[in-house]
């Protein structure tokens, strides 16, 4: 099977049948999505023996309730907006003046004003603010779950954690609960994933059309942003678009460089798009005006080979260690510059699980099983250490009952696939 054949193929698996027959058909039942996600959180709380969660990560608050408010600000200033979750009740503590934003969300039982426990808000009175914050949470929590509860916390300043611990709470990290809950998507949730992908693919199509020698990377990157925001997306989580020499090594952020003649232009979308879902696929383009040279085509086709092989081995029930053993083996000349992992989970951000290369598994890998409902992004970066250019490709797939479904549809570059 050629790379183009793979990209055009759609599997005949049965899960979810409505999505496979026409991913764009039918409205998304967002109430069902929200209820499913909150149910997933509570199932994981029960499974892990956690009585309550206090969530401050805005992505996790949106996962559990569907509400959003100042995502980036909230992530930087935690705790300024937070959510208390028990087995029977949710209390959203909303930022000053914003309590109305949760109106109509059936996943939020009550909205209360938040206490901001950050240094910029409290100044030298920060310790007092942290104690007040912890007391507020404790006073709401104990009537719901009783004395000496197990409380999961995340992403707050150390003083707030210490203040909570002083109340005798048994504190655990909330990340395990949220990551395991988020890993399995419902069919309605997958529709959100697909909608976000189609929106991002439209933005990338506009970006691709704008590529020309003489445009700066920043100006090109702004084309993507404009389209994403216009389509009710949230933000781009990274700044991964670069050209020419700056495509090697990877992870050079978009800058003011002017794109030259006949350069590779590499992009990783990393878009938190519509409905709050993450669109994470990578493409590499050619700036023209001539056709790609032989070395550019070789890099591109090797990257395609890696992605195609690794998608081909994904299946429900496959263990993470087994995946590492069976994954495409990176040729020595490209090994030093390899992408830091082979594949990863995807939902409202990049998430659990991480699937590592065989060579890295002993140090970084962990065991687990691929399950139906997981969305996985399969990665490739191909470029020689010290080389003048590199290629980034990535596809987003769904693990089904019987195999995989390719979700990302943006076409590959025929000029770079040519013999």
Protein backbone atom coordinates (compact mmCIF):
# COMPACT_ATOMS: atom_id res chain seq x y z
CA UNK A 1 0.00 0.00 0.00
CA UNK A 2 1.36 3.44 -0.91
CA UNK A 3 1.30 6.44 1.37
CA UNK A 4 -1.44 8.02 -0.71
CA UNK A 5 -3.47 4.80 -0.61
CA UNK A 6 -3.22 4.77 3.16
CA UNK A 7 -4.31 8.37 3.49
CA UNK A 8 -7.34 7.81 1.26
CA UNK A 9 -8.40 4.57 2.94
CA UNK A 10 -11.25 4.44 5.45
CA UNK A 11 -11.58 1.24 7.48
CA UNK A 12 -14.79 -0.81 7.63
CA UNK A 13 -14.77 -1.10 11.42
CA UNK A 14 -18.11 -0.82 13.19
CA UNK A 15 -17.20 1.73 15.92
CA UNK A 16 -18.76 4.23 15.84
CA UNK A 17 -20.89 3.42 12.81
CA UNK A 18 -22.56 6.82 12.64
CA UNK A 19 -19.20 8.54 12.47
CA UNK A 20 -17.89 6.22 9.76
CA UNK A 21 -20.88 6.61 7.48
CA UNK A 22 -20.53 10.38 7.49
CA UNK A 23 -18.40 12.09 10.13
CA UNK A 24 -19.90 15.49 9.35
CA UNK A 25 -23.56 14.41 9.47
CA UNK A 26 -25.89 15.21 12.34
CA UNK A 27 -25.76 17.71 15.14
CA UNK A 28 -23.57 17.06 18.17
CA UNK A 29 -25.48 16.41 21.40
CA UNK A 30 -23.35 18.61 23.65
CA UNK A 31 -25.49 17.85 26.71
CA UNK A 32 -24.71 14.15 26.22
CA UNK A 33 -21.03 14.99 25.78
CA UNK A 34 -20.92 16.94 29.03
CA UNK A 35 -22.81 14.31 31.00
CA UNK A 36 -20.59 11.55 29.68
CA UNK A 37 -17.42 13.41 30.63
CA UNK A 38 -18.58 14.24 34.15
CA UNK A 39 -19.64 10.63 34.53
CA UNK A 40 -16.18 9.49 33.44
CA UNK A 41 -14.59 11.71 36.10
CA UNK A 42 -16.81 10.29 38.81
CA UNK A 43 -16.20 6.71 37.69
CA UNK A 44 -12.44 7.27 37.96
CA UNK A 45 -12.81 8.95 41.34
CA UNK A 46 -14.63 5.88 42.63
CA UNK A 47 -12.15 3.50 41.03
CA UNK A 48 -9.15 5.30 42.55
CA UNK A 49 -10.75 5.92 45.95
CA UNK A 50 -10.89 9.72 45.69
CA UNK A 51 -13.77 11.40 47.54
CA UNK A 52 -13.51 14.83 45.92
CA UNK A 53 -11.53 16.86 43.41
CA UNK A 54 -10.62 20.52 43.39
CA UNK A 55 -9.77 21.32 39.76
CA UNK A 56 -7.98 24.49 38.67
CA UNK A 57 -6.69 23.49 35.23
CA UNK A 58 -9.10 25.28 32.85
CA UNK A 59 -9.00 22.36 30.41
CA UNK A 60 -10.07 19.93 33.12
CA UNK A 61 -12.80 22.30 34.31
CA UNK A 62 -14.08 22.44 30.75
CA UNK A 63 -13.88 18.66 30.45
CA UNK A 64 -15.91 18.12 33.61
CA UNK A 65 -18.50 20.86 33.05
CA UNK A 66 -18.27 22.30 29.53
CA UNK A 67 -17.69 25.82 30.92
CA UNK A 68 -14.85 28.01 29.72
CA UNK A 69 -13.57 31.37 30.86
CA UNK A 70 -10.21 33.05 30.24
CA UNK A 71 -8.43 29.76 29.62
CA UNK A 72 -4.85 31.02 29.43
CA UNK A 73 -5.29 33.56 32.23
CA UNK A 74 -6.83 30.92 34.48
CA UNK A 75 -3.98 28.50 33.84
CA UNK A 76 -1.42 31.14 34.81
CA UNK A 77 -3.20 32.48 37.88
CA UNK A 78 -4.45 29.34 39.63
CA UNK A 79 -6.28 29.23 41.90
CA UNK A 80 -8.48 32.02 40.54
CA UNK A 81 -11.24 29.84 39.06
CA UNK A 82 -11.77 26.30 40.34
CA UNK A 83 -14.23 23.44 40.48
CA UNK A 84 -15.15 21.18 43.40
CA UNK A 85 -16.38 17.76 42.27
CA UNK A 86 -17.85 15.07 44.53
CA UNK A 87 -19.83 11.95 43.66
CA UNK A 88 -23.09 13.91 43.91
CA UNK A 89 -22.37 17.60 43.45
CA UNK A 90 -20.31 20.15 41.51
CA UNK A 91 -19.52 23.64 42.80
CA UNK A 92 -17.92 26.05 40.34
CA UNK A 93 -16.01 28.91 41.96
CA UNK A 94 -15.98 31.50 39.19
CA UNK A 95 -13.74 34.53 38.74
CA UNK A 96 -14.95 37.94 39.92
CA UNK A 97 -17.81 39.24 37.78
CA UNK A 98 -18.07 36.06 35.72
CA UNK A 99 -20.58 33.93 37.61
CA UNK A 100 -23.18 34.29 34.85
CA UNK A 101 -20.98 32.37 32.37
CA UNK A 102 -22.10 29.01 33.80
CA UNK A 103 -25.82 29.72 33.33
CA UNK A 104 -27.59 26.83 31.64
CA UNK A 105 -24.92 24.17 32.22
CA UNK A 106 -26.58 21.11 33.70
CA UNK A 107 -23.18 19.87 34.90
CA UNK A 108 -22.83 22.76 37.37
CA UNK A 109 -25.00 22.46 40.48
CA UNK A 110 -23.98 25.78 41.99
CA UNK A 111 -21.78 28.78 41.18
CA UNK A 112 -20.00 30.71 43.93
CA UNK A 113 -17.48 33.58 43.84
CA UNK A 114 -13.86 32.45 43.79
CA UNK A 115 -11.11 33.59 46.12
CA UNK A 116 -7.93 34.32 44.16
CA UNK A 117 -4.95 32.97 46.09
CA UNK A 118 -2.06 34.32 44.03
CA UNK A 119 0.73 36.71 44.93
CA UNK A 120 -0.28 39.31 42.36
CA UNK A 121 -3.76 39.43 43.89
CA UNK A 122 -2.78 39.25 47.56
CA UNK A 123 0.75 40.68 47.66
CA UNK A 124 2.37 40.27 51.08
CA UNK A 125 -0.94 38.89 52.41
CA UNK A 126 -0.56 35.78 50.24
CA UNK A 127 -0.33 33.34 53.17
CA UNK A 128 -3.59 34.72 54.59
CA UNK A 129 -5.24 34.44 51.15
CA UNK A 130 -4.12 30.82 50.87
CA UNK A 131 -5.51 30.00 54.31
CA UNK A 132 -8.82 31.64 53.41
CA UNK A 133 -8.93 29.74 50.14
CA UNK A 134 -8.31 26.41 51.87
CA UNK A 135 -10.97 27.17 54.49
CA UNK A 136 -13.49 28.03 51.78
CA UNK A 137 -12.92 24.69 50.06
CA UNK A 138 -12.94 22.76 53.33
CA UNK A 139 -16.18 24.33 54.54
CA UNK A 140 -17.92 23.41 51.26
CA UNK A 141 -16.38 19.95 51.06
CA UNK A 142 -16.88 18.40 54.50
CA UNK A 143 -20.71 18.54 54.53
CA UNK A 144 -20.68 16.67 51.20
CA UNK A 145 -18.16 13.90 51.93
CA UNK A 146 -17.65 13.80 55.70
CA UNK A 147 -14.50 14.09 57.78
CA UNK A 148 -11.01 13.12 56.62
CA UNK A 149 -11.74 12.85 52.90
CA UNK A 150 -9.30 11.94 50.16
CA UNK A 151 -9.00 15.11 48.07
CA UNK A 152 -7.42 15.27 44.62
CA UNK A 153 -5.70 18.58 43.80
CA UNK A 154 -3.87 19.99 40.80
CA UNK A 155 -1.93 23.02 39.58
CA UNK A 156 -2.16 25.45 42.48
CA UNK A 157 0.64 27.27 44.27
CA UNK A 158 2.46 25.35 46.98
CA UNK A 159 1.14 27.55 49.78
CA UNK A 160 -2.45 26.67 48.90
CA UNK A 161 -1.64 22.95 49.05
CA UNK A 162 0.07 23.37 52.43
CA UNK A 163 -2.88 25.34 53.75
CA UNK A 164 -5.25 22.58 52.65
CA UNK A 165 -3.08 19.91 54.22
CA UNK A 166 -3.21 21.81 57.51
CA UNK A 167 -6.94 21.01 57.65
CA UNK A 168 -6.19 17.29 57.85
CA UNK A 169 -7.16 16.42 54.30
CA UNK A 170 -5.58 13.36 52.74
CA UNK A 171 -4.25 14.96 49.57
CA UNK A 172 -3.51 13.12 46.31
CA UNK A 173 -2.70 14.32 42.81
CA UNK A 174 -5.81 14.71 40.64
CA UNK A 175 -3.94 14.15 37.37
CA UNK A 176 -4.40 10.38 37.34
CA UNK A 177 -8.16 10.66 37.73
CA UNK A 178 -8.52 13.25 34.96
CA UNK A 179 -6.11 11.67 32.49
CA UNK A 180 -7.65 8.21 32.79
CA UNK A 181 -11.16 9.67 32.50
CA UNK A 182 -10.30 11.73 29.44
CA UNK A 183 -8.61 8.86 27.62
CA UNK A 184 -11.82 7.15 26.42
CA UNK A 185 -14.10 9.17 24.15
CA UNK A 186 -17.81 8.56 23.56
CA UNK A 187 -19.14 8.53 19.98
CA UNK A 188 -20.63 12.01 20.55
CA UNK A 189 -17.28 13.19 21.88
CA UNK A 190 -15.57 11.85 18.75
CA UNK A 191 -17.92 14.03 16.71
CA UNK A 192 -16.46 17.02 18.59
CA UNK A 193 -12.94 15.80 17.76
CA UNK A 194 -13.86 15.49 14.08
CA UNK A 195 -15.52 18.93 14.00
CA UNK A 196 -12.39 20.49 15.49
CA UNK A 197 -10.23 18.68 12.95
CA UNK A 198 -12.32 19.83 9.99
CA UNK A 199 -12.14 23.41 11.26
CA UNK A 200 -8.36 23.20 11.72
CA UNK A 201 -7.91 21.58 8.32
CA UNK A 202 -9.73 24.52 6.76
CA UNK A 203 -7.32 26.86 8.56
CA UNK A 204 -4.31 24.85 7.36
CA UNK A 205 -5.66 24.97 3.81
CA UNK A 206 -5.64 28.77 4.04
CA UNK A 207 -2.14 28.72 5.51
CA UNK A 208 -0.90 26.44 2.72
CA UNK A 209 -2.37 28.78 0.08
CA UNK A 210 -0.49 31.71 1.66
CA UNK A 211 2.96 30.05 1.48
CA UNK A 212 5.30 31.93 -0.84
CA UNK A 213 8.91 33.09 -0.80
CA UNK A 214 9.09 36.48 0.92
CA UNK A 215 6.44 35.96 3.61
CA UNK A 216 7.64 35.71 7.20
CA UNK A 217 6.95 32.71 9.38
CA UNK A 218 5.00 34.92 11.81
CA UNK A 219 2.78 36.30 9.05
CA UNK A 220 2.10 32.79 7.79
CA UNK A 221 1.37 31.54 11.32
CA UNK A 222 -1.17 34.34 11.79
CA UNK A 223 -3.27 32.92 8.94
CA UNK A 224 -3.88 29.80 11.00
CA UNK A 225 -4.74 31.81 14.12
CA UNK A 226 -7.20 34.06 12.32
CA UNK A 227 -9.17 31.13 10.93
CA UNK A 228 -9.15 29.19 14.22
CA UNK A 229 -10.48 32.10 16.25
CA UNK A 230 -13.10 32.95 13.62
CA UNK A 231 -14.40 29.37 13.91
CA UNK A 232 -14.80 29.60 17.73
CA UNK A 233 -11.55 27.84 18.53
CA UNK A 234 -9.56 28.78 21.61
CA UNK A 235 -5.84 29.04 20.86
CA UNK A 236 -2.75 27.35 19.47
CA UNK A 237 -0.90 25.65 22.30
CA UNK A 238 2.55 25.94 20.66
CA UNK A 239 4.31 28.01 17.96
CA UNK A 240 5.59 25.22 15.73
CA UNK A 241 5.89 26.51 12.19
CA UNK A 242 9.32 27.03 10.66
CA UNK A 243 11.12 26.98 7.37
CA UNK A 244 14.41 26.16 5.68
CA UNK A 245 17.32 25.64 8.07
CA UNK A 246 14.96 26.24 10.99
CA UNK A 247 13.18 22.96 10.25
CA UNK A 248 16.27 21.16 11.64
CA UNK A 249 16.31 20.44 14.49
CA UNK A 250 12.61 20.45 15.35
CA UNK A 251 11.09 22.60 18.13
CA UNK A 252 12.26 25.94 16.80
CA UNK A 253 9.44 28.37 17.43
CA UNK A 254 7.87 30.49 14.71
CA UNK A 255 9.78 33.72 14.22
CA UNK A 256 10.45 36.67 11.96
CA UNK A 257 12.48 34.67 9.41
CA UNK A 258 11.56 35.33 5.80
CA UNK A 259 10.71 32.14 3.89
CA UNK A 260 13.07 31.68 0.95
CA UNK A 261 12.87 29.99 -2.42
CA UNK A 262 12.35 26.22 -2.51
CA UNK A 263 12.40 25.72 1.26
CA UNK A 264 10.54 23.18 3.34
CA UNK A 265 7.90 24.70 5.64
CA UNK A 266 7.00 22.45 8.58
CA UNK A 267 3.89 22.83 10.75
CA UNK A 268 2.47 21.15 13.86
CA UNK A 269 -1.05 22.48 14.45
CA UNK A 270 -1.48 21.93 18.24
CA UNK A 271 -4.83 23.75 18.05
CA UNK A 272 -7.39 23.83 20.86
CA UNK A 273 -10.27 24.27 18.47
CA UNK A 274 -14.05 24.37 18.44
CA UNK A 275 -15.83 22.60 21.31
CA UNK A 276 -12.49 22.75 23.15
CA UNK A 277 -11.02 19.74 21.31
CA UNK A 278 -7.42 19.37 20.23
CA UNK A 279 -6.50 19.11 16.55
CA UNK A 280 -2.98 17.75 16.37
CA UNK A 281 -1.63 16.85 12.97
CA UNK A 282 1.58 17.89 11.25
CA UNK A 283 2.38 18.67 7.65
CA UNK A 284 5.45 19.79 5.73
CA UNK A 285 5.09 21.93 2.60
CA UNK A 286 7.41 23.33 -0.08
CA UNK A 287 7.64 27.05 -0.76
CA UNK A 288 8.41 26.84 -4.51
CA UNK A 289 8.72 28.15 -7.12
CA UNK A 290 10.56 25.03 -8.32
CA UNK A 291 9.70 21.44 -7.50
CA UNK A 292 11.18 19.81 -4.36
CA UNK A 293 14.67 18.44 -4.75
CA UNK A 294 15.66 14.79 -4.24
CA UNK A 295 16.76 15.21 -0.62
CA UNK A 296 13.53 16.93 0.35
CA UNK A 297 11.51 14.13 -1.22
CA UNK A 298 13.56 11.45 0.55
CA UNK A 299 13.02 13.06 3.96
CA UNK A 300 9.31 13.38 3.33
CA UNK A 301 8.87 9.83 2.13
CA UNK A 302 10.82 8.38 5.05
CA UNK A 303 8.57 10.31 7.44
CA UNK A 304 5.52 8.95 5.61
CA UNK A 305 6.90 5.44 6.00
CA UNK A 306 7.26 5.86 9.75
CA UNK A 307 3.73 7.23 10.22
CA UNK A 308 2.15 4.63 7.92
CA UNK A 309 3.91 1.72 9.63
CA UNK A 310 3.00 2.86 13.14
CA UNK A 311 -0.65 3.50 12.30
CA UNK A 312 -0.72 0.03 10.78
CA UNK A 313 0.21 -1.70 14.05
CA UNK A 314 -2.28 0.16 16.26
CA UNK A 315 -5.14 -2.02 17.50
CA UNK A 316 -7.39 -2.36 20.55
CA UNK A 317 -5.74 -4.53 23.18
CA UNK A 318 -2.20 -3.71 22.04
CA UNK A 319 0.10 -3.11 24.99
CA UNK A 320 2.29 -0.04 25.13
CA UNK A 321 5.44 -2.14 25.44
CA UNK A 322 4.37 -4.32 22.52
CA UNK A 323 3.76 -1.20 20.45
CA UNK A 324 7.30 -0.02 21.18
CA UNK A 325 8.71 -3.38 20.13
CA UNK A 326 6.76 -3.44 16.86
CA UNK A 327 7.08 0.25 15.95
CA UNK A 328 9.10 1.46 12.96
CA UNK A 329 12.80 1.43 13.67
CA UNK A 330 14.39 4.80 12.97
CA UNK A 331 17.45 4.63 10.69
CA UNK A 332 20.67 5.52 12.46
CA UNK A 333 21.27 8.70 10.47
CA UNK A 334 17.95 10.12 11.70
CA UNK A 335 17.97 8.65 15.21
CA UNK A 336 19.65 11.48 17.12
CA UNK A 337 17.05 14.01 15.93
CA UNK A 338 14.06 11.68 16.48
CA UNK A 339 10.82 13.07 17.86
CA UNK A 340 10.77 12.53 21.62
CA UNK A 341 7.91 10.02 21.44
CA UNK A 342 6.29 7.81 18.84
CA UNK A 343 2.61 8.54 19.48
CA UNK A 344 0.38 10.07 22.15
CA UNK A 345 -3.21 10.39 23.27
CA UNK A 346 -5.31 13.35 22.22
CA UNK A 347 -8.58 14.86 23.40
CA UNK A 348 -8.97 18.39 24.72
CA UNK A 349 -5.16 18.62 24.69
CA UNK A 350 -2.34 16.19 24.15
CA UNK A 351 -2.92 13.58 26.84
CA UNK A 352 -2.43 10.04 28.15
CA UNK A 353 -1.01 7.74 26.90
CA UNK A 354 2.48 8.46 25.65
CA UNK A 355 3.85 5.71 23.41
CA UNK A 356 7.65 5.73 23.26
CA UNK A 357 10.25 4.46 20.82
CA UNK A 358 11.80 1.09 21.61
CA UNK A 359 15.16 2.70 22.42
CA UNK A 360 13.53 5.05 24.96
CA UNK A 361 11.05 2.66 26.55
CA UNK A 362 13.32 1.42 29.35
CA UNK A 363 13.87 4.96 30.63
CA UNK A 364 10.57 6.67 29.81
CA UNK A 365 7.96 4.07 28.91
CA UNK A 366 5.17 2.55 30.97
CA UNK A 367 2.68 -0.24 30.45
CA UNK A 368 -0.95 0.06 29.50
CA UNK A 369 -3.43 -1.10 26.85
CA UNK A 370 -4.89 0.68 23.83
CA UNK A 371 -8.69 0.72 24.12
CA UNK A 372 -11.59 1.55 21.79
CA UNK A 373 -12.45 5.22 22.12
CA UNK A 374 -8.86 6.40 22.48
CA UNK A 375 -7.71 9.07 20.02
CA UNK A 376 -4.02 8.69 19.18
CA UNK A 377 -1.64 11.00 17.29
CA UNK A 378 1.17 9.21 15.45
CA UNK A 379 4.32 11.31 15.13
CA UNK A 380 7.35 11.55 12.88
CA UNK A 381 10.26 13.94 12.59
CA UNK A 382 12.95 13.03 10.06
CA UNK A 383 16.12 15.08 9.78
CA UNK A 384 19.79 14.28 10.17
CA UNK A 385 21.71 15.73 13.10
CA UNK A 386 23.48 18.79 11.73
CA UNK A 387 21.39 18.65 8.57
CA UNK A 388 20.01 21.63 6.72
CA UNK A 389 16.32 20.65 6.77
CA UNK A 390 13.81 18.22 8.23
CA UNK A 391 10.25 16.94 7.80
CA UNK A 392 7.47 16.81 10.40
CA UNK A 393 4.39 14.64 9.78
CA UNK A 394 1.66 13.47 12.15
CA UNK A 395 -1.78 11.88 11.85
CA UNK A 396 -4.71 11.66 14.28
CA UNK A 397 -6.55 8.33 14.52
CA UNK A 398 -9.32 6.69 16.54
CA UNK A 399 -8.91 3.26 18.13
CA UNK A 400 -12.08 1.31 17.27
CA UNK A 401 -13.43 -2.08 18.28
CA UNK A 402 -11.56 -3.73 15.40
CA UNK A 403 -8.72 -1.47 14.40
CA UNK A 404 -8.20 2.21 13.69
CA UNK A 405 -10.02 5.00 11.90
CA UNK A 406 -7.96 7.77 10.31
CA UNK A 407 -9.53 11.05 11.50
CA UNK A 408 -7.14 13.67 10.07
CA UNK A 409 -7.82 14.21 6.38
CA UNK A 410 -5.55 17.00 5.24
CA UNK A 411 -3.85 15.72 2.08
CA UNK A 412 -0.20 14.88 1.80
CA UNK A 413 1.99 16.73 -0.71
CA UNK A 414 2.06 14.94 -4.07
CA UNK A 415 5.15 16.89 -5.15
CA UNK A 416 7.08 15.57 -2.13
CA UNK A 417 5.78 12.02 -2.64
CA UNK A 418 6.90 11.95 -6.29
CA UNK A 419 9.63 9.52 -7.31
